[in-house]
Amino acid sequence: MKKGMIITVISVVLLIGIGFVFARIDFNRMGKDNAYYQVPAPESVEETKLDSGEIMKTYWYTGAAYKENGEEINVEFFASKELRQGAYLKLYLKKGAVVTSYDEVKPSEIPDKVKF
């Protein structure tokens, strides 16, 4: 009876711990290649009317991004809000140039080989 209670408590604690770990991991960023991108005006804006009547906008961006070694690649991605023009983004990439996520970075955080 005591062993069963101890095993149950340990199992519950482990499950809660695993839940917290998975809630904190961002699989869109983990293990991805990076490139840097300077935000221009959006290429296009799509508007979608939801069932509630609310209008949802999707902002599309395309252009040259630069990998950490200075290699230029072309990217296309979207954001649910208009990004600040002139801002620098660190893009997270999979399969070459597929953008899975991004973070705004300061110019001082961009590697020296990347030139805009």
PDB file of N, CA and C in Angstrom:
ATOM      1  N   MET A   1       0.827  -1.191   0.000  1.00  0.00           N
ATOM      2  CA  MET A   1       0.000   0.000   0.000  1.00  0.00           C
ATOM      3  C   MET A   1       0.866   1.248   0.000  1.00  0.00           C
ATOM      4  N   LYS A   2       1.916   1.242   0.852  1.00  0.00           N
ATOM      5  CA  LYS A   2       2.821   2.383   0.919  1.00  0.00           C
ATOM      6  C   LYS A   2       3.573   2.560  -0.400  1.00  0.00           C
ATOM      7  N   LYS A   3       4.025   1.443  -0.974  1.00  0.00           N
ATOM      8  CA  LYS A   3       4.750   1.498  -2.246  1.00  0.00           C
ATOM      9  C   LYS A   3       3.866   2.067  -3.342  1.00  0.00           C
ATOM     10  N   GLY A   4       2.625   1.654  -3.384  1.00  0.00           N
ATOM     11  CA  GLY A   4       1.684   2.140  -4.392  1.00  0.00           C
ATOM     12  C   GLY A   4       1.471   3.647  -4.287  1.00  0.00           C
ATOM     13  N   MET A   5       1.384   4.152  -3.064  1.00  0.00           N
ATOM     14  CA  MET A   5       1.194   5.589  -2.840  1.00  0.00           C
ATOM     15  C   MET A   5       2.441   6.368  -3.270  1.00  0.00           C
ATOM     16  N   ILE A   6       3.605   5.854  -2.948  1.00  0.00           N
ATOM     17  CA  ILE A   6       4.865   6.520  -3.321  1.00  0.00           C
ATOM     18  C   ILE A   6       5.004   6.555  -4.841  1.00  0.00           C
ATOM     19  N   ILE A   7       4.724   5.444  -5.501  1.00  0.00           N
ATOM     20  CA  ILE A   7       4.816   5.385  -6.965  1.00  0.00           C
ATOM     21  C   ILE A   7       3.821   6.358  -7.600  1.00  0.00           C
ATOM     22  N   THR A   8       2.616   6.451  -7.056  1.00  0.00           N
ATOM     23  CA  THR A   8       1.606   7.372  -7.578  1.00  0.00           C
ATOM     24  C   THR A   8       2.057   8.817  -7.432  1.00  0.00           C
ATOM     25  N   VAL A   9       2.588   9.180  -6.275  1.00  0.00           N
ATOM     26  CA  VAL A   9       3.054  10.554  -6.039  1.00  0.00           C
ATOM     27  C   VAL A   9       4.213  10.888  -6.978  1.00  0.00           C
ATOM     28  N   ILE A  10       5.158   9.981  -7.117  1.00  0.00           N
ATOM     29  CA  ILE A  10       6.310  10.215  -8.010  1.00  0.00           C
ATOM     30  C   ILE A  10       5.825  10.361  -9.450  1.00  0.00           C
ATOM     31  N   SER A  11       4.894   9.522  -9.871  1.00  0.00           N
ATOM     32  CA  SER A  11       4.362   9.605 -11.240  1.00  0.00           C
ATOM     33  C   SER A  11       3.671  10.946 -11.492  1.00  0.00           C
ATOM     34  N   VAL A  12       2.879  11.402 -10.543  1.00  0.00           N
ATOM     35  CA  VAL A  12       2.187  12.682 -10.689  1.00  0.00           C
ATOM     36  C   VAL A  12       3.192  13.829 -10.774  1.00  0.00           C
ATOM     37  N   VAL A  13       4.205  13.817  -9.904  1.00  0.00           N
ATOM     38  CA  VAL A  13       5.230  14.860  -9.925  1.00  0.00           C
ATOM     39  C   VAL A  13       5.969  14.855 -11.266  1.00  0.00           C
ATOM     40  N   LEU A  14       6.315  13.685 -11.768  1.00  0.00           N
ATOM     41  CA  LEU A  14       7.002  13.585 -13.067  1.00  0.00           C
ATOM     42  C   LEU A  14       6.122  14.104 -14.202  1.00  0.00           C
ATOM     43  N   LEU A  15       4.855  13.739 -14.201  1.00  0.00           N
ATOM     44  CA  LEU A  15       3.952  14.212 -15.251  1.00  0.00           C
ATOM     45  C   LEU A  15       3.795  15.728 -15.219  1.00  0.00           C
ATOM     46  N   ILE A  16       3.686  16.295 -14.044  1.00  0.00           N
ATOM     47  CA  ILE A  16       3.590  17.756 -13.926  1.00  0.00           C
ATOM     48  C   ILE A  16       4.880  18.402 -14.415  1.00  0.00           C
ATOM     49  N   GLY A  17       6.027  17.841 -14.047  1.00  0.00           N
ATOM     50  CA  GLY A  17       7.318  18.369 -14.504  1.00  0.00           C
ATOM     51  C   GLY A  17       7.457  18.308 -16.014  1.00  0.00           C
ATOM     52  N   ILE A  18       7.074  17.192 -16.606  1.00  0.00           N
ATOM     53  CA  ILE A  18       7.130  17.049 -18.064  1.00  0.00           C
ATOM     54  C   ILE A  18       6.201  18.054 -18.730  1.00  0.00           C
ATOM     55  N   GLY A  19       5.037  18.264 -18.148  1.00  0.00           N
ATOM     56  CA  GLY A  19       4.093  19.253 -18.691  1.00  0.00           C
ATOM     57  C   GLY A  19       4.684  20.650 -18.701  1.00  0.00           C
ATOM     58  N   PHE A  20       5.358  21.037 -17.614  1.00  0.00           N
ATOM     59  CA  PHE A  20       5.987  22.353 -17.560  1.00  0.00           C
ATOM     60  C   PHE A  20       7.109  22.486 -18.583  1.00  0.00           C
ATOM     61  N   VAL A  21       7.895  21.434 -18.770  1.00  0.00           N
ATOM     62  CA  VAL A  21       8.991  21.468 -19.744  1.00  0.00           C
ATOM     63  C   VAL A  21       8.441  21.654 -21.152  1.00  0.00           C
ATOM     64  N   PHE A  22       7.439  20.877 -21.532  1.00  0.00           N
ATOM     65  CA  PHE A  22       6.874  20.996 -22.873  1.00  0.00           C
ATOM     66  C   PHE A  22       6.167  22.322 -23.097  1.00  0.00           C
ATOM     67  N   ALA A  23       5.622  22.911 -22.054  1.00  0.00           N
ATOM     68  CA  ALA A  23       4.970  24.224 -22.192  1.00  0.00           C
ATOM     69  C   ALA A  23       5.997  25.318 -22.457  1.00  0.00           C
ATOM     70  N   ARG A  24       7.230  25.130 -22.018  1.00  0.00           N
ATOM     71  CA  ARG A  24       8.265  26.142 -22.173  1.00  0.00           C
ATOM     72  C   ARG A  24       9.084  25.998 -23.455  1.00  0.00           C
ATOM     73  N   ILE A  25       9.069  24.832 -24.066  1.00  0.00           N
ATOM     74  CA  ILE A  25       9.861  24.592 -25.276  1.00  0.00           C
ATOM     75  C   ILE A  25       9.115  25.145 -26.485  1.00  0.00           C
ATOM     76  N   ASP A  26       9.817  25.897 -27.304  1.00  0.00           N
ATOM     77  CA  ASP A  26       9.236  26.416 -28.542  1.00  0.00           C
ATOM     78  C   ASP A  26       9.811  25.605 -29.704  1.00  0.00           C
ATOM     79  N   PHE A  27       9.031  24.658 -30.196  1.00  0.00           N
ATOM     80  CA  PHE A  27       9.505  23.768 -31.249  1.00  0.00           C
ATOM     81  C   PHE A  27       9.697  24.495 -32.577  1.00  0.00           C
ATOM     82  N   ASN A  28       9.129  25.704 -32.732  1.00  0.00           N
ATOM     83  CA  ASN A  28       9.348  26.494 -33.939  1.00  0.00           C
ATOM     84  C   ASN A  28      10.742  27.104 -33.978  1.00  0.00           C
ATOM     85  N   ARG A  29      11.429  27.141 -32.839  1.00  0.00           N
ATOM     86  CA  ARG A  29      12.764  27.731 -32.779  1.00  0.00           C
ATOM     87  C   ARG A  29      13.862  26.699 -32.508  1.00  0.00           C
ATOM     88  N   MET A  30      13.525  25.619 -31.872  1.00  0.00           N
ATOM     89  CA  MET A  30      14.506  24.631 -31.428  1.00  0.00           C
ATOM     90  C   MET A  30      15.163  23.918 -32.612  1.00  0.00           C
ATOM     91  N   GLY A  31      16.492  23.961 -32.648  1.00  0.00           N
ATOM     92  CA  GLY A  31      17.245  23.235 -33.664  1.00  0.00           C
ATOM     93  C   GLY A  31      17.135  23.793 -35.066  1.00  0.00           C
ATOM     94  N   LYS A  32      16.740  25.014 -35.218  1.00  0.00           N
ATOM     95  CA  LYS A  32      16.545  25.609 -36.546  1.00  0.00           C
ATOM     96  C   LYS A  32      17.777  26.418 -36.966  1.00  0.00           C
ATOM     97  N   ASP A  33      17.953  26.565 -38.287  1.00  0.00           N
ATOM     98  CA  ASP A  33      18.965  27.461 -38.829  1.00  0.00           C
ATOM     99  C   ASP A  33      18.466  28.891 -38.655  1.00  0.00           C
ATOM    100  N   ASN A  34      19.393  29.847 -38.726  1.00  0.00           N
ATOM    101  CA  ASN A  34      19.015  31.247 -38.567  1.00  0.00           C
ATOM    102  C   ASN A  34      19.429  32.066 -39.767  1.00  0.00           C
ATOM    103  N   ALA A  35      18.673  33.125 -40.013  1.00  0.00           N
ATOM    104  CA  ALA A  35      19.019  34.126 -41.016  1.00  0.00           C
ATOM    105  C   ALA A  35      18.538  35.463 -40.470  1.00  0.00           C
ATOM    106  N   TYR A  36      19.069  36.536 -41.029  1.00  0.00           N
ATOM    107  CA  TYR A  36      18.730  37.878 -40.567  1.00  0.00           C
ATOM    108  C   TYR A  36      18.078  38.648 -41.706  1.00  0.00           C
ATOM    109  N   TYR A  37      17.102  39.479 -41.350  1.00  0.00           N
ATOM    110  CA  TYR A  37      16.242  40.121 -42.333  1.00  0.00           C
ATOM    111  C   TYR A  37      15.923  41.520 -41.844  1.00  0.00           C
ATOM    112  N   GLN A  38      15.994  42.502 -42.745  1.00  0.00           N
ATOM    113  CA  GLN A  38      15.581  43.858 -42.400  1.00  0.00           C
ATOM    114  C   GLN A  38      14.183  44.065 -42.964  1.00  0.00           C
ATOM    115  N   VAL A  39      13.261  44.492 -42.106  1.00  0.00           N
ATOM    116  CA  VAL A  39      11.844  44.572 -42.455  1.00  0.00           C
ATOM    117  C   VAL A  39      11.555  45.752 -43.378  1.00  0.00           C
ATOM    118  N   PRO A  40      11.019  45.478 -44.575  1.00  0.00           N
ATOM    119  CA  PRO A  40      10.535  46.540 -45.466  1.00  0.00           C
ATOM    120  C   PRO A  40       9.034  46.733 -45.233  1.00  0.00           C
ATOM    121  N   ALA A  41       8.386  47.471 -46.090  1.00  0.00           N
ATOM    122  CA  ALA A  41       6.919  47.543 -46.066  1.00  0.00           C
ATOM    123  C   ALA A  41       6.401  46.160 -46.456  1.00  0.00           C
ATOM    124  N   PRO A  42       5.226  45.777 -45.972  1.00  0.00           N
ATOM    125  CA  PRO A  42       4.699  44.462 -46.351  1.00  0.00           C
ATOM    126  C   PRO A  42       4.479  44.358 -47.854  1.00  0.00           C
ATOM    127  N   GLU A  43       4.745  43.187 -48.393  1.00  0.00           N
ATOM    128  CA  GLU A  43       4.536  42.921 -49.819  1.00  0.00           C
ATOM    129  C   GLU A  43       3.046  42.970 -50.151  1.00  0.00           C
ATOM    130  N   SER A  44       2.243  42.395 -49.261  1.00  0.00           N
ATOM    131  CA  SER A  44       0.789  42.426 -49.441  1.00  0.00           C
ATOM    132  C   SER A  44       0.115  42.231 -48.085  1.00  0.00           C
ATOM    133  N   VAL A  45      -1.172  42.595 -48.036  1.00  0.00           N
ATOM    134  CA  VAL A  45      -1.969  42.430 -46.819  1.00  0.00           C
ATOM    135  C   VAL A  45      -3.252  41.708 -47.199  1.00  0.00           C
ATOM    136  N   GLU A  46      -3.518  40.592 -46.550  1.00  0.00           N
ATOM    137  CA  GLU A  46      -4.740  39.831 -46.791  1.00  0.00           C
ATOM    138  C   GLU A  46      -5.702  40.102 -45.646  1.00  0.00           C
ATOM    139  N   GLU A  47      -6.963  40.330 -45.978  1.00  0.00           N
ATOM    140  CA  GLU A  47      -7.983  40.525 -44.958  1.00  0.00           C
ATOM    141  C   GLU A  47      -8.962  39.358 -45.015  1.00  0.00           C
ATOM    142  N   THR A  48      -9.240  38.802 -43.860  1.00  0.00           N
ATOM    143  CA  THR A  48     -10.175  37.696 -43.745  1.00  0.00           C
ATOM    144  C   THR A  48     -11.253  38.089 -42.748  1.00  0.00           C
ATOM    145  N   LYS A  49     -12.508  37.938 -43.159  1.00  0.00           N
ATOM    146  CA  LYS A  49     -13.613  38.259 -42.260  1.00  0.00           C
ATOM    147  C   LYS A  49     -13.999  36.995 -41.496  1.00  0.00           C
ATOM    148  N   LEU A  50     -13.931  37.053 -40.172  1.00  0.00           N
ATOM    149  CA  LEU A  50     -14.275  35.924 -39.326  1.00  0.00           C
ATOM    150  C   LEU A  50     -15.791  35.837 -39.172  1.00  0.00           C
ATOM    151  N   ASP A  51     -16.266  34.705 -38.690  1.00  0.00           N
ATOM    152  CA  ASP A  51     -17.712  34.511 -38.479  1.00  0.00           C
ATOM    153  C   ASP A  51     -18.282  35.552 -37.523  1.00  0.00           C
ATOM    154  N   SER A  52     -17.450  36.041 -36.612  1.00  0.00           N
ATOM    155  CA  SER A  52     -17.905  37.043 -35.643  1.00  0.00           C
ATOM    156  C   SER A  52     -18.026  38.426 -36.272  1.00  0.00           C
ATOM    157  N   GLY A  53     -17.571  38.572 -37.513  1.00  0.00           N
ATOM    158  CA  GLY A  53     -17.607  39.866 -38.188  1.00  0.00           C
ATOM    159  C   GLY A  53     -16.299  40.626 -38.077  1.00  0.00           C
ATOM    160  N   GLU A  54     -15.399  40.146 -37.244  1.00  0.00           N
ATOM    161  CA  GLU A  54     -14.093  40.788 -37.051  1.00  0.00           C
ATOM    162  C   GLU A  54     -13.222  40.554 -38.286  1.00  0.00           C
ATOM    163  N   ILE A  55     -12.445  41.573 -38.645  1.00  0.00           N
ATOM    164  CA  ILE A  55     -11.525  41.466 -39.784  1.00  0.00           C
ATOM    165  C   ILE A  55     -10.136  41.097 -39.247  1.00  0.00           C
ATOM    166  N   MET A  56      -9.561  40.006 -39.784  1.00  0.00           N
ATOM    167  CA  MET A  56      -8.221  39.582 -39.408  1.00  0.00           C
ATOM    168  C   MET A  56      -7.282  39.903 -40.575  1.00  0.00           C
ATOM    169  N   LYS A  57      -6.167  40.544 -40.285  1.00  0.00           N
ATOM    170  CA  LYS A  57      -5.203  40.895 -41.329  1.00  0.00           C
ATOM    171  C   LYS A  57      -3.969  40.008 -41.233  1.00  0.00           C
ATOM    172  N   THR A  58      -3.451  39.627 -42.384  1.00  0.00           N
ATOM    173  CA  THR A  58      -2.216  38.866 -42.489  1.00  0.00           C
ATOM    174  C   THR A  58      -1.265  39.669 -43.368  1.00  0.00           C
ATOM    175  N   TYR A  59      -0.093  39.977 -42.837  1.00  0.00           N
ATOM    176  CA  TYR A  59       0.909  40.779 -43.542  1.00  0.00           C
ATOM    177  C   TYR A  59       1.983  39.844 -44.099  1.00  0.00           C
ATOM    178  N   TRP A  60       2.194  39.917 -45.412  1.00  0.00           N
ATOM    179  CA  TRP A  60       3.180  39.070 -46.099  1.00  0.00           C
ATOM    180  C   TRP A  60       4.449  39.856 -46.381  1.00  0.00           C
ATOM    181  N   TYR A  61       5.589  39.219 -46.099  1.00  0.00           N
ATOM    182  CA  TYR A  61       6.901  39.825 -46.324  1.00  0.00           C
ATOM    183  C   TYR A  61       7.740  38.889 -47.184  1.00  0.00           C
ATOM    184  N   THR A  62       8.459  39.450 -48.134  1.00  0.00           N
ATOM    185  CA  THR A  62       9.374  38.680 -48.979  1.00  0.00           C
ATOM    186  C   THR A  62      10.656  39.471 -49.138  1.00  0.00           C
ATOM    187  N   GLY A  63      11.700  38.775 -49.526  1.00  0.00           N
ATOM    188  CA  GLY A  63      12.949  39.472 -49.809  1.00  0.00           C
ATOM    189  C   GLY A  63      14.167  38.676 -49.392  1.00  0.00           C
ATOM    190  N   ALA A  64      15.297  39.346 -49.434  1.00  0.00           N
ATOM    191  CA  ALA A  64      16.584  38.723 -49.128  1.00  0.00           C
ATOM    192  C   ALA A  64      16.811  38.694 -47.619  1.00  0.00           C
ATOM    193  N   ALA A  65      17.257  37.542 -47.150  1.00  0.00           N
ATOM    194  CA  ALA A  65      17.713  37.371 -45.777  1.00  0.00           C
ATOM    195  C   ALA A  65      19.125  36.820 -45.865  1.00  0.00           C
ATOM    196  N   TYR A  66      19.876  36.953 -44.792  1.00  0.00           N
ATOM    197  CA  TYR A  66      21.280  36.549 -44.817  1.00  0.00           C
ATOM    198  C   TYR A  66      21.563  35.585 -43.682  1.00  0.00           C
ATOM    199  N   LYS A  67      22.116  34.420 -44.058  1.00  0.00           N
ATOM    200  CA  LYS A  67      22.507  33.434 -43.059  1.00  0.00           C
ATOM    201  C   LYS A  67      23.719  33.948 -42.286  1.00  0.00           C
ATOM    202  N   GLU A  68      24.045  33.293 -41.194  1.00  0.00           N
ATOM    203  CA  GLU A  68      25.134  33.733 -40.329  1.00  0.00           C
ATOM    204  C   GLU A  68      26.485  33.744 -41.037  1.00  0.00           C
ATOM    205  N   ASN A  69      26.634  32.949 -42.123  1.00  0.00           N
ATOM    206  CA  ASN A  69      27.895  32.925 -42.878  1.00  0.00           C
ATOM    207  C   ASN A  69      27.915  33.966 -44.006  1.00  0.00           C
ATOM    208  N   GLY A  70      26.851  34.776 -44.111  1.00  0.00           N
ATOM    209  CA  GLY A  70      26.774  35.814 -45.129  1.00  0.00           C
ATOM    210  C   GLY A  70      26.034  35.407 -46.389  1.00  0.00           C
ATOM    211  N   GLU A  71      25.662  34.133 -46.505  1.00  0.00           N
ATOM    212  CA  GLU A  71      24.946  33.641 -47.696  1.00  0.00           C
ATOM    213  C   GLU A  71      23.559  34.284 -47.784  1.00  0.00           C
ATOM    214  N   GLU A  72      23.214  34.753 -48.979  1.00  0.00           N
ATOM    215  CA  GLU A  72      21.903  35.372 -49.204  1.00  0.00           C
ATOM    216  C   GLU A  72      20.889  34.317 -49.617  1.00  0.00           C
ATOM    217  N   ILE A  73      19.699  34.377 -49.019  1.00  0.00           N
ATOM    218  CA  ILE A  73      18.601  33.500 -49.399  1.00  0.00           C
ATOM    219  C   ILE A  73      17.341  34.340 -49.543  1.00  0.00           C
ATOM    220  N   ASN A  74      16.406  33.872 -50.333  1.00  0.00           N
ATOM    221  CA  ASN A  74      15.115  34.554 -50.469  1.00  0.00           C
ATOM    222  C   ASN A  74      14.106  33.888 -49.542  1.00  0.00           C
ATOM    223  N   VAL A  75      13.369  34.713 -48.801  1.00  0.00           N
ATOM    224  CA  VAL A  75      12.378  34.192 -47.864  1.00  0.00           C
ATOM    225  C   VAL A  75      11.020  34.823 -48.137  1.00  0.00           C
ATOM    226  N   GLU A  76       9.987  34.113 -47.710  1.00  0.00           N
ATOM    227  CA  GLU A  76       8.633  34.627 -47.738  1.00  0.00           C
ATOM    228  C   GLU A  76       7.972  34.134 -46.456  1.00  0.00           C
ATOM    229  N   PHE A  77       7.376  35.051 -45.698  1.00  0.00           N
ATOM    230  CA  PHE A  77       6.698  34.671 -44.472  1.00  0.00           C
ATOM    231  C   PHE A  77       5.611  35.684 -44.166  1.00  0.00           C
ATOM    232  N   PHE A  78       4.778  35.364 -43.186  1.00  0.00           N
ATOM    233  CA  PHE A  78       3.691  36.274 -42.825  1.00  0.00           C
ATOM    234  C   PHE A  78       3.723  36.560 -41.330  1.00  0.00           C
ATOM    235  N   ALA A  79       3.049  37.638 -40.971  1.00  0.00           N
ATOM    236  CA  ALA A  79       2.896  38.031 -39.567  1.00  0.00           C
ATOM    237  C   ALA A  79       1.444  38.450 -39.356  1.00  0.00           C
ATOM    238  N   SER A  80       0.975  38.287 -38.145  1.00  0.00           N
ATOM    239  CA  SER A  80      -0.408  38.657 -37.844  1.00  0.00           C
ATOM    240  C   SER A  80      -0.540  40.132 -37.477  1.00  0.00           C
ATOM    241  N   LYS A  81       0.593  40.830 -37.439  1.00  0.00           N
ATOM    242  CA  LYS A  81       0.576  42.279 -37.221  1.00  0.00           C
ATOM    243  C   LYS A  81       1.619  42.893 -38.147  1.00  0.00           C
ATOM    244  N   GLU A  82       1.472  44.176 -38.429  1.00  0.00           N
ATOM    245  CA  GLU A  82       2.450  44.838 -39.288  1.00  0.00           C
ATOM    246  C   GLU A  82       3.737  45.029 -38.503  1.00  0.00           C
ATOM    247  N   LEU A  83       4.836  44.559 -39.082  1.00  0.00           N
ATOM    248  CA  LEU A  83       6.131  44.665 -38.423  1.00  0.00           C
ATOM    249  C   LEU A  83       6.712  46.061 -38.617  1.00  0.00           C
ATOM    250  N   ARG A  84       7.537  46.472 -37.678  1.00  0.00           N
ATOM    251  CA  ARG A  84       8.137  47.809 -37.712  1.00  0.00           C
ATOM    252  C   ARG A  84       9.148  47.887 -38.862  1.00  0.00           C
ATOM    253  N   GLN A  85       8.895  48.805 -39.797  1.00  0.00           N
ATOM    254  CA  GLN A  85       9.793  48.954 -40.947  1.00  0.00           C
ATOM    255  C   GLN A  85      11.177  49.368 -40.474  1.00  0.00           C
ATOM    256  N   GLY A  86      12.187  48.733 -41.045  1.00  0.00           N
ATOM    257  CA  GLY A  86      13.567  49.017 -40.688  1.00  0.00           C
ATOM    258  C   GLY A  86      14.093  48.158 -39.557  1.00  0.00           C
ATOM    259  N   ALA A  87      13.212  47.449 -38.868  1.00  0.00           N
ATOM    260  CA  ALA A  87      13.639  46.579 -37.766  1.00  0.00           C
ATOM    261  C   ALA A  87      14.425  45.392 -38.330  1.00  0.00           C
ATOM    262  N   TYR A  88      15.280  44.818 -37.494  1.00  0.00           N
ATOM    263  CA  TYR A  88      16.047  43.633 -37.868  1.00  0.00           C
ATOM    264  C   TYR A  88      15.432  42.421 -37.181  1.00  0.00           C
ATOM    265  N   LEU A  89      15.270  41.353 -37.958  1.00  0.00           N
ATOM    266  CA  LEU A  89      14.697  40.125 -37.425  1.00  0.00           C
ATOM    267  C   LEU A  89      15.699  38.986 -37.516  1.00  0.00           C
ATOM    268  N   LYS A  90      15.684  38.149 -36.505  1.00  0.00           N
ATOM    269  CA  LYS A  90      16.386  36.874 -36.562  1.00  0.00           C
ATOM    270  C   LYS A  90      15.321  35.853 -36.938  1.00  0.00           C
ATOM    271  N   LEU A  91      15.462  35.267 -38.117  1.00  0.00           N
ATOM    272  CA  LEU A  91      14.498  34.291 -38.612  1.00  0.00           C
ATOM    273  C   LEU A  91      14.950  32.887 -38.232  1.00  0.00           C
ATOM    274  N   TYR A  92      13.995  32.042 -37.911  1.00  0.00           N
ATOM    275  CA  TYR A  92      14.260  30.630 -37.637  1.00  0.00           C
ATOM    276  C   TYR A  92      13.756  29.854 -38.843  1.00  0.00           C
ATOM    277  N   LEU A  93      14.652  29.067 -39.441  1.00  0.00           N
ATOM    278  CA  LEU A  93      14.373  28.417 -40.716  1.00  0.00           C
ATOM    279  C   LEU A  93      14.408  26.908 -40.616  1.00  0.00           C
ATOM    280  N   LYS A  94      13.556  26.263 -41.400  1.00  0.00           N
ATOM    281  CA  LYS A  94      13.664  24.820 -41.601  1.00  0.00           C
ATOM    282  C   LYS A  94      13.643  24.572 -43.101  1.00  0.00           C
ATOM    283  N   LYS A  95      14.239  23.503 -43.523  1.00  0.00           N
ATOM    284  CA  LYS A  95      14.277  23.119 -44.939  1.00  0.00           C
ATOM    285  C   LYS A  95      14.717  24.269 -45.832  1.00  0.00           C
ATOM    286  N   GLY A  96      15.813  24.899 -45.479  1.00  0.00           N
ATOM    287  CA  GLY A  96      16.378  25.952 -46.316  1.00  0.00           C
ATOM    288  C   GLY A  96      15.851  27.333 -46.017  1.00  0.00           C
ATOM    289  N   ALA A  97      14.665  27.668 -46.535  1.00  0.00           N
ATOM    290  CA  ALA A  97      14.176  29.041 -46.406  1.00  0.00           C
ATOM    291  C   ALA A  97      12.735  29.127 -45.902  1.00  0.00           C
ATOM    292  N   VAL A  98      12.255  28.092 -45.228  1.00  0.00           N
ATOM    293  CA  VAL A  98      10.903  28.121 -44.670  1.00  0.00           C
ATOM    294  C   VAL A  98      10.975  28.735 -43.276  1.00  0.00           C
ATOM    295  N   VAL A  99      10.359  29.891 -43.107  1.00  0.00           N
ATOM    296  CA  VAL A  99      10.422  30.616 -41.839  1.00  0.00           C
ATOM    297  C   VAL A  99       9.386  30.027 -40.880  1.00  0.00           C
ATOM    298  N   THR A 100       9.855  29.573 -39.705  1.00  0.00           N
ATOM    299  CA  THR A 100       8.943  29.015 -38.704  1.00  0.00           C
ATOM    300  C   THR A 100       8.644  30.006 -37.586  1.00  0.00           C
ATOM    301  N   SER A 101       9.539  30.962 -37.372  1.00  0.00           N
ATOM    302  CA  SER A 101       9.352  31.958 -36.323  1.00  0.00           C
ATOM    303  C   SER A 101      10.369  33.071 -36.526  1.00  0.00           C
ATOM    304  N   TYR A 102      10.254  34.140 -35.724  1.00  0.00           N
ATOM    305  CA  TYR A 102      11.208  35.236 -35.800  1.00  0.00           C
ATOM    306  C   TYR A 102      11.224  35.989 -34.482  1.00  0.00           C
ATOM    307  N   ASP A 103      12.341  36.684 -34.249  1.00  0.00           N
ATOM    308  CA  ASP A 103      12.495  37.575 -33.102  1.00  0.00           C
ATOM    309  C   ASP A 103      13.117  38.869 -33.600  1.00  0.00           C
ATOM    310  N   GLU A 104      12.683  40.006 -33.063  1.00  0.00           N
ATOM    311  CA  GLU A 104      13.353  41.264 -33.395  1.00  0.00           C
ATOM    312  C   GLU A 104      14.660  41.320 -32.613  1.00  0.00           C
ATOM    313  N   VAL A 105      15.736  41.739 -33.287  1.00  0.00           N
ATOM    314  CA  VAL A 105      17.050  41.837 -32.649  1.00  0.00           C
ATOM    315  C   VAL A 105      17.629  43.231 -32.858  1.00  0.00           C
ATOM    316  N   LYS A 106      18.588  43.574 -32.032  1.00  0.00           N
ATOM    317  CA  LYS A 106      19.307  44.842 -32.176  1.00  0.00           C
ATOM    318  C   LYS A 106      20.400  44.665 -33.228  1.00  0.00           C
ATOM    319  N   PRO A 107      20.787  45.741 -33.906  1.00  0.00           N
ATOM    320  CA  PRO A 107      21.871  45.616 -34.896  1.00  0.00           C
ATOM    321  C   PRO A 107      23.152  45.028 -34.299  1.00  0.00           C
ATOM    322  N   SER A 108      23.422  45.296 -33.034  1.00  0.00           N
ATOM    323  CA  SER A 108      24.638  44.770 -32.396  1.00  0.00           C
ATOM    324  C   SER A 108      24.595  43.251 -32.219  1.00  0.00           C
ATOM    325  N   GLU A 109      23.424  42.635 -32.345  1.00  0.00           N
ATOM    326  CA  GLU A 109      23.277  41.183 -32.190  1.00  0.00           C
ATOM    327  C   GLU A 109      23.447  40.429 -33.506  1.00  0.00           C
ATOM    328  N   ILE A 110      23.624  41.160 -34.606  1.00  0.00           N
ATOM    329  CA  ILE A 110      23.748  40.540 -35.924  1.00  0.00           C
ATOM    330  C   ILE A 110      25.219  40.187 -36.165  1.00  0.00           C
ATOM    331  N   PRO A 111      25.510  38.959 -36.619  1.00  0.00           N
ATOM    332  CA  PRO A 111      26.901  38.569 -36.881  1.00  0.00           C
ATOM    333  C   PRO A 111      27.583  39.477 -37.892  1.00  0.00           C
ATOM    334  N   ASP A 112      28.889  39.630 -37.779  1.00  0.00           N
ATOM    335  CA  ASP A 112      29.665  40.522 -38.637  1.00  0.00           C
ATOM    336  C   ASP A 112      29.582  40.156 -40.112  1.00  0.00           C
ATOM    337  N   LYS A 113      29.455  38.875 -40.443  1.00  0.00           N
ATOM    338  CA  LYS A 113      29.412  38.455 -41.843  1.00  0.00           C
ATOM    339  C   LYS A 113      28.115  38.853 -42.546  1.00  0.00           C
ATOM    340  N   VAL A 114      27.095  39.204 -41.765  1.00  0.00           N
ATOM    341  CA  VAL A 114      25.811  39.596 -42.341  1.00  0.00           C
ATOM    342  C   VAL A 114      25.847  41.077 -42.612  1.00  0.00           C
ATOM    343  N   LYS A 115      25.675  41.465 -43.853  1.00  0.00           N
ATOM    344  CA  LYS A 115      25.711  42.881 -44.245  1.00  0.00           C
ATOM    345  C   LYS A 115      24.419  43.239 -44.966  1.00  0.00           C
ATOM    346  N   PHE A 116      23.800  44.304 -44.518  1.00  0.00           N
ATOM    347  CA  PHE A 116      22.570  44.781 -45.175  1.00  0.00           C
ATOM    348  C   PHE A 116      22.887  45.957 -46.046  1.00  0.00           C
TER     349      PHE A 116
END
